[in-house]
Amino acid sequence: MEARPRAGDLDALKRGCDATTGMAYVRAMGHLLHVTRKPTMPTTEKFPFSIPAIRSFEKLALDVRVTFFVGENGSGKSTMLEAIACAAEIPGYGGDRIERDHSLDRQRQLASHLRLAWTARSRTGFFMRAEDFFGHLKATARLDARILRELRESKDPSYRPTTEPLPDPVHVDEILAEEHLARLDVRSHGESFLEFFGQRIRGEGLYLLDEPETPLSPARQLALLALLGEKVREGAQFVIATHSPILLAYPKARIVSFDKAPIETVAYESLDHVTVMRDFLNHREKYLSRLFG
C-alpha cells in the first residue's frame, strides 16, 4: 500500500535544497518521502524479520535526494534496499525482473509489510546490485556473439564458429562471448560501469544501488561522486547501500546506519568506514606491526 504524504511532508520537501548546489528543488515528481512498517509486520525469528535493524524499524526518512545505507555485512542494509525496490515496483538491471528474481523471495515478503509515501507515484528508475552490472556485460557479450554468428552463417552456410566439441550444456555463443568480454576488458570494468551508469540514469526517477563502488577504483569512485551530483541536478533521487568513504562524502546526504537497532541517522565523521580508514592511512606502520608482528 502507498501512503499519501502529509501537508507537512510536502512543505518540508519544498523547503529542501539540492544537496550539491544549494538551489531549491524545482521538481519533485517520483520523490520517495519515507518508508514505514505496517502493523502486520511479523516478529518471527525467520529472515529477514529476524534482523535487529529491520525488526525494530518503524519509519525510514528518505526526503532528500541522496540517502546512504551503511552497516556491516548482515546488518540489513542491502535487505532493506532490496525490499524497497520490490515495494516500489521499479525494474531491476542485469538479471531477472524483480518479481521473478528468486533471490529476492524473502525481500518481497518484507516489501509486502512496507508502506511507501511519495510526493507523486512513479516507477521511473531502477534497482541495481554490483553483480547485476557484470550480468549485463555477459548478456551483452552473448547477444553480440549470437548476432555476429548469425550474420556470418547467413553469408557463408559452411561457417562453423568452432570445430572443437563443446561440453554439455555449453552453447557455442558462450564461447564466442568470451572473446567479446575480453574486448570489453580492454577498457576497465570501472570505465564501462560509469558509461553504463551515465547513460541509463535519465532525469527524474528513483535509483536504488547496492554497493556500486565494487568495480571502481578510488579515482573512479570520485568520478561516480561527480556523476551523482550531475544526475541529482537533473531530478534523480538515490538510495545507496555502500561501504565507500568516498561516496559517503556526498554533500548533505543523509547517512543511515543499520549497525544498531533501531536504525539511526549518523554523521560522516563518526563512521567507522571513515575513522578506521583515516587512522590506517595516517598510522599504517602501527597497524601493520600489530597485524604481522
Protein backbone atom coordinates (compact mmCIF):
# COMPACT_ATOMS: atom_id res chain seq x y z
CA MET A 1 0.00 0.00 0.00
CA GLU A 2 1.17 3.51 -0.77
CA ALA A 3 0.56 6.41 1.57
CA ARG A 4 -0.22 9.98 0.61
CA PRO A 5 2.32 12.41 2.09
CA ARG A 6 1.05 14.78 4.74
CA ALA A 7 0.97 18.51 4.05
CA GLY A 8 3.86 18.96 6.45
CA ASP A 9 5.96 16.48 4.48
CA LEU A 10 5.32 18.34 1.23
CA ASP A 11 6.09 21.70 2.83
CA ALA A 12 9.36 20.32 4.16
CA LEU A 13 10.27 18.99 0.74
CA LYS A 14 9.54 22.34 -0.91
CA ARG A 15 11.88 24.00 1.58
CA GLY A 16 14.56 21.39 0.85
CA CYS A 17 17.75 22.15 -1.02
CA ASP A 18 19.65 20.37 -3.71
CA ALA A 19 22.48 18.56 -1.91
CA THR A 20 25.07 19.73 -4.42
CA THR A 21 24.17 23.29 -5.39
CA GLY A 22 22.04 24.58 -2.52
CA MET A 23 19.32 25.51 -5.03
CA ALA A 24 15.70 24.89 -4.06
CA TYR A 25 14.08 21.85 -5.59
CA VAL A 26 12.06 22.79 -8.62
CA ARG A 27 10.87 19.27 -9.45
CA ALA A 28 9.81 16.54 -7.06
CA MET A 29 7.95 14.04 -9.26
CA GLY A 30 8.50 10.49 -8.12
CA HIS A 31 10.33 11.58 -4.97
CA LEU A 32 10.08 8.91 -2.27
CA LEU A 33 9.49 10.63 1.08
CA HIS A 34 9.61 7.81 3.60
CA VAL A 35 9.06 4.11 4.26
CA THR A 36 7.13 2.87 7.28
CA ARG A 37 6.28 -0.58 8.56
CA LYS A 38 2.73 -1.84 8.51
CA PRO A 39 1.18 -3.18 11.72
CA THR A 40 1.16 -6.60 10.02
CA MET A 41 4.95 -6.95 10.05
CA PRO A 42 5.84 -10.32 11.60
CA THR A 43 8.04 -10.65 14.68
CA THR A 44 9.27 -14.14 13.82
CA GLU A 45 12.85 -15.37 14.01
CA LYS A 46 12.89 -16.04 10.29
CA PHE A 47 14.96 -13.98 7.86
CA PRO A 48 14.59 -11.08 7.11
CA PHE A 49 12.36 -10.25 10.09
CA SER A 50 14.97 -11.62 12.48
CA ILE A 51 17.48 -8.87 11.58
CA PRO A 52 17.54 -6.48 14.58
CA ALA A 53 17.60 -3.29 12.48
CA ILE A 54 14.58 -4.45 10.48
CA ARG A 55 12.70 -5.92 13.44
CA SER A 56 12.91 -2.59 15.33
CA PHE A 57 12.39 -0.28 12.34
CA GLU A 58 9.32 1.99 12.41
CA LYS A 59 9.97 4.78 9.88
CA LEU A 60 12.78 5.45 7.43
CA ALA A 61 13.00 9.05 6.19
CA LEU A 62 14.14 9.40 2.56
CA ASP A 63 13.13 13.01 1.90
CA VAL A 64 16.50 14.07 0.49
CA ARG A 65 17.95 13.43 -2.93
CA VAL A 66 20.77 11.17 -1.72
CA THR A 67 20.49 8.69 1.14
CA PHE A 68 23.14 6.16 2.07
CA PHE A 69 22.63 2.91 3.98
CA VAL A 70 25.72 1.79 5.90
CA GLY A 71 26.48 -1.15 8.16
CA GLU A 72 28.49 -4.32 8.44
CA ASN A 73 27.64 -7.27 6.24
CA GLY A 74 24.50 -8.89 7.61
CA SER A 75 23.25 -5.68 9.24
CA GLY A 76 20.21 -5.50 6.94
CA LYS A 77 21.13 -2.51 4.77
CA SER A 78 21.05 -4.41 1.47
CA THR A 79 17.98 -6.38 2.53
CA MET A 80 16.07 -3.16 3.21
CA LEU A 81 17.23 -1.66 -0.09
CA GLU A 82 16.05 -4.75 -1.97
CA ALA A 83 12.71 -4.72 -0.16
CA ILE A 84 12.17 -1.05 -1.06
CA ALA A 85 12.92 -1.93 -4.70
CA CYS A 86 10.29 -4.68 -4.59
CA ALA A 87 7.72 -2.42 -2.91
CA ALA A 88 8.38 0.44 -5.34
CA GLU A 89 7.94 -1.96 -8.30
CA ILE A 90 10.82 -0.44 -10.21
CA PRO A 91 12.76 -2.59 -12.69
CA GLY A 92 15.96 -4.38 -11.87
CA TYR A 93 19.01 -4.21 -14.07
CA GLY A 94 21.18 -7.03 -15.39
CA GLY A 95 19.19 -10.00 -14.13
CA ASP A 96 15.63 -11.28 -13.87
CA ARG A 97 12.76 -8.90 -13.40
CA ILE A 98 12.39 -8.18 -9.70
CA GLU A 99 9.09 -10.01 -9.43
CA ARG A 100 10.68 -13.14 -10.96
CA ASP A 101 14.05 -12.96 -9.21
CA HIS A 102 14.04 -15.90 -6.79
CA SER A 103 17.00 -14.45 -4.89
CA LEU A 104 14.58 -11.75 -3.70
CA ASP A 105 11.79 -14.03 -2.44
CA ARG A 106 12.38 -13.14 1.23
CA GLN A 107 12.81 -9.46 0.40
CA ARG A 108 9.43 -9.48 -1.34
CA GLN A 109 7.93 -10.82 1.88
CA LEU A 110 9.38 -7.84 3.73
CA ALA A 111 8.19 -5.49 0.96
CA SER A 112 4.60 -6.60 1.49
CA HIS A 113 4.82 -5.16 5.02
CA LEU A 114 6.20 -1.77 3.95
CA ARG A 115 4.24 1.39 3.18
CA LEU A 116 5.84 3.90 0.81
CA ALA A 117 4.92 7.61 0.77
CA TRP A 118 5.62 9.65 -2.37
CA THR A 119 5.16 13.22 -3.49
CA ALA A 120 3.88 11.63 -6.71
CA ARG A 121 3.88 7.93 -7.57
CA SER A 122 6.47 6.95 -10.16
CA ARG A 123 8.03 3.72 -11.43
CA THR A 124 10.80 5.57 -13.23
CA GLY A 125 14.28 4.43 -12.22
CA PHE A 126 15.84 1.06 -11.44
CA PHE A 127 17.43 -1.16 -8.82
CA MET A 128 20.94 -2.45 -9.42
CA ARG A 129 23.38 -4.61 -7.49
CA ALA A 130 27.07 -4.64 -8.38
CA GLU A 131 26.75 -8.20 -9.69
CA ASP A 132 23.91 -7.08 -11.96
CA PHE A 133 26.35 -4.95 -13.91
CA PHE A 134 28.56 -7.95 -14.62
CA GLY A 135 25.42 -9.86 -15.61
CA HIS A 136 24.62 -7.04 -18.02
CA LEU A 137 28.12 -7.28 -19.54
CA LYS A 138 27.79 -11.03 -20.03
CA ALA A 139 24.30 -10.72 -21.55
CA THR A 140 25.56 -8.02 -23.93
CA ALA A 141 28.51 -10.21 -24.94
CA ARG A 142 26.24 -13.21 -25.61
CA LEU A 143 23.90 -11.07 -27.71
CA ASP A 144 26.80 -9.62 -29.71
CA ALA A 145 28.20 -13.11 -30.25
CA ARG A 146 24.87 -14.51 -31.47
CA ILE A 147 24.30 -11.61 -33.89
CA LEU A 148 27.82 -11.93 -35.31
CA ARG A 149 27.50 -15.73 -35.65
CA GLU A 150 24.13 -15.49 -37.43
CA LEU A 151 25.47 -12.79 -39.74
CA ARG A 152 28.45 -14.96 -40.71
CA GLU A 153 26.25 -18.03 -41.18
CA SER A 154 23.92 -16.07 -43.47
CA LYS A 155 26.88 -15.11 -45.68
CA ASP A 156 28.62 -18.50 -45.53
CA PRO A 157 26.42 -21.56 -44.81
CA SER A 158 29.56 -23.64 -44.26
CA TYR A 159 30.81 -21.37 -41.47
CA ARG A 160 31.33 -23.08 -38.11
CA PRO A 161 32.37 -21.00 -35.08
CA THR A 162 34.46 -23.86 -33.70
CA THR A 163 35.37 -27.40 -34.61
CA GLU A 164 36.03 -28.37 -31.01
CA PRO A 165 33.36 -30.43 -29.21
CA LEU A 166 31.52 -28.40 -26.58
CA PRO A 167 30.72 -29.72 -23.11
CA ASP A 168 27.01 -30.10 -22.47
CA PRO A 169 25.09 -27.75 -21.99
CA VAL A 170 27.51 -25.02 -23.19
CA HIS A 171 26.30 -23.19 -26.31
CA VAL A 172 28.74 -22.01 -28.93
CA ASP A 173 27.65 -18.41 -28.25
CA GLU A 174 29.01 -18.78 -24.73
CA ILE A 175 32.46 -19.49 -26.16
CA LEU A 176 32.26 -16.62 -28.63
CA ALA A 177 31.05 -14.29 -25.87
CA GLU A 178 34.35 -14.78 -24.04
CA GLU A 179 36.08 -13.01 -26.91
CA HIS A 180 33.67 -10.09 -26.62
CA LEU A 181 34.19 -9.92 -22.86
CA ALA A 182 37.94 -9.82 -23.44
CA ARG A 183 37.46 -6.80 -25.68
CA LEU A 184 35.30 -5.16 -23.03
CA ASP A 185 38.16 -5.73 -20.58
CA VAL A 186 40.43 -3.58 -22.74
CA ARG A 187 38.59 -0.74 -21.08
CA SER A 188 38.38 -1.28 -17.34
CA HIS A 189 35.16 -2.53 -15.84
CA GLY A 190 35.11 0.75 -13.94
CA GLU A 191 35.04 2.81 -17.13
CA SER A 192 32.34 0.57 -18.60
CA PHE A 193 30.32 0.87 -15.40
CA LEU A 194 30.48 4.67 -15.37
CA GLU A 195 29.42 4.81 -19.02
CA PHE A 196 26.56 2.38 -18.32
CA PHE A 197 25.52 4.37 -15.25
CA GLY A 198 25.62 7.72 -17.02
CA GLN A 199 23.57 6.52 -19.98
CA ARG A 200 20.86 4.68 -18.04
CA ILE A 201 20.03 7.35 -15.45
CA ARG A 202 17.91 9.95 -17.17
CA GLY A 203 16.12 12.76 -15.37
CA GLU A 204 13.71 12.22 -12.54
CA GLY A 205 13.37 8.80 -11.01
CA LEU A 206 14.28 6.62 -8.05
CA TYR A 207 17.59 4.77 -8.33
CA LEU A 208 18.48 2.12 -5.75
CA LEU A 209 22.10 0.99 -5.90
CA ASP A 210 23.71 -1.77 -3.85
CA GLU A 211 27.47 -1.28 -3.40
CA PRO A 212 28.10 0.43 -6.75
CA GLU A 213 31.72 1.02 -5.74
CA THR A 214 32.57 -2.68 -6.21
CA PRO A 215 34.04 -2.41 -9.75
CA LEU A 216 35.51 1.06 -9.18
CA SER A 217 38.97 2.25 -8.22
CA PRO A 218 39.18 5.22 -5.83
CA ALA A 219 39.60 7.58 -8.80
CA ARG A 220 36.52 6.07 -10.48
CA GLN A 221 34.58 6.43 -7.23
CA LEU A 222 35.34 10.16 -7.33
CA ALA A 223 34.02 10.20 -10.90
CA LEU A 224 30.86 8.44 -9.73
CA LEU A 225 30.51 11.01 -6.94
CA ALA A 226 30.54 13.80 -9.54
CA LEU A 227 28.08 11.86 -11.70
CA LEU A 228 25.68 11.56 -8.77
CA GLY A 229 25.71 15.35 -8.45
CA GLU A 230 25.01 15.75 -12.17
CA LYS A 231 22.06 13.35 -12.05
CA VAL A 232 20.68 14.94 -8.87
CA ARG A 233 20.57 18.27 -10.68
CA GLU A 234 18.53 16.54 -13.38
CA GLY A 235 16.00 15.40 -10.76
CA ALA A 236 17.18 11.90 -9.80
CA GLN A 237 16.88 10.51 -6.29
CA PHE A 238 19.33 7.92 -4.99
CA VAL A 239 19.27 5.42 -2.14
CA ILE A 240 22.62 3.65 -1.99
CA ALA A 241 23.98 0.88 0.21
CA THR A 242 27.75 1.30 0.39
CA HIS A 243 30.99 0.81 2.30
CA SER A 244 32.81 3.55 0.41
CA PRO A 245 34.06 6.55 2.43
CA ILE A 246 34.40 8.41 -0.87
CA LEU A 247 30.75 8.01 -1.89
CA LEU A 248 29.58 8.65 1.67
CA ALA A 249 31.16 12.11 1.47
CA TYR A 250 28.44 13.33 -0.92
CA PRO A 251 27.50 16.83 0.34
CA LYS A 252 24.47 16.97 2.64
CA ALA A 253 23.49 13.37 2.01
CA ARG A 254 21.65 11.51 4.76
CA ILE A 255 23.59 8.54 6.15
CA VAL A 256 21.52 5.83 7.84
CA SER A 257 23.32 3.22 9.92
CA PHE A 258 21.97 -0.32 10.30
CA ASP A 259 24.65 -1.39 12.77
CA LYS A 260 22.44 -0.75 15.80
CA ALA A 261 18.76 -1.25 16.46
CA PRO A 262 16.86 0.88 15.81
CA ILE A 263 18.43 2.29 12.66
CA GLU A 264 19.69 5.84 13.06
CA THR A 265 20.99 8.79 11.09
CA VAL A 266 24.70 9.30 11.70
CA ALA A 267 27.33 11.90 10.85
CA TYR A 268 30.01 11.22 8.25
CA GLU A 269 32.87 11.91 10.65
CA SER A 270 31.58 9.34 13.14
CA LEU A 271 31.54 6.43 10.68
CA ASP A 272 33.94 3.53 11.21
CA HIS A 273 34.35 3.49 7.42
CA VAL A 274 35.91 6.94 7.74
CA THR A 275 37.71 6.83 11.09
CA VAL A 276 39.34 3.43 10.56
CA MET A 277 40.46 4.25 7.03
CA ARG A 278 41.84 7.64 8.06
CA ASP A 279 43.65 6.18 11.06
CA PHE A 280 45.14 3.40 8.95
CA LEU A 281 46.43 5.83 6.32
CA ASN A 282 47.89 8.11 8.99
CA HIS A 283 49.41 5.28 11.09
CA ARG A 284 49.98 2.50 8.59
CA GLU A 285 53.08 1.10 10.26
CA LYS A 286 51.32 0.82 13.60
CA TYR A 287 48.53 -1.28 12.06
CA LEU A 288 50.91 -3.47 10.07
CA SER A 289 53.08 -4.06 13.13
CA ARG A 290 50.02 -5.09 15.13
CA LEU A 291 48.78 -7.39 12.37
CA PHE A 292 52.04 -9.05 11.40
CA GLY A 293 54.23 -8.59 14.46
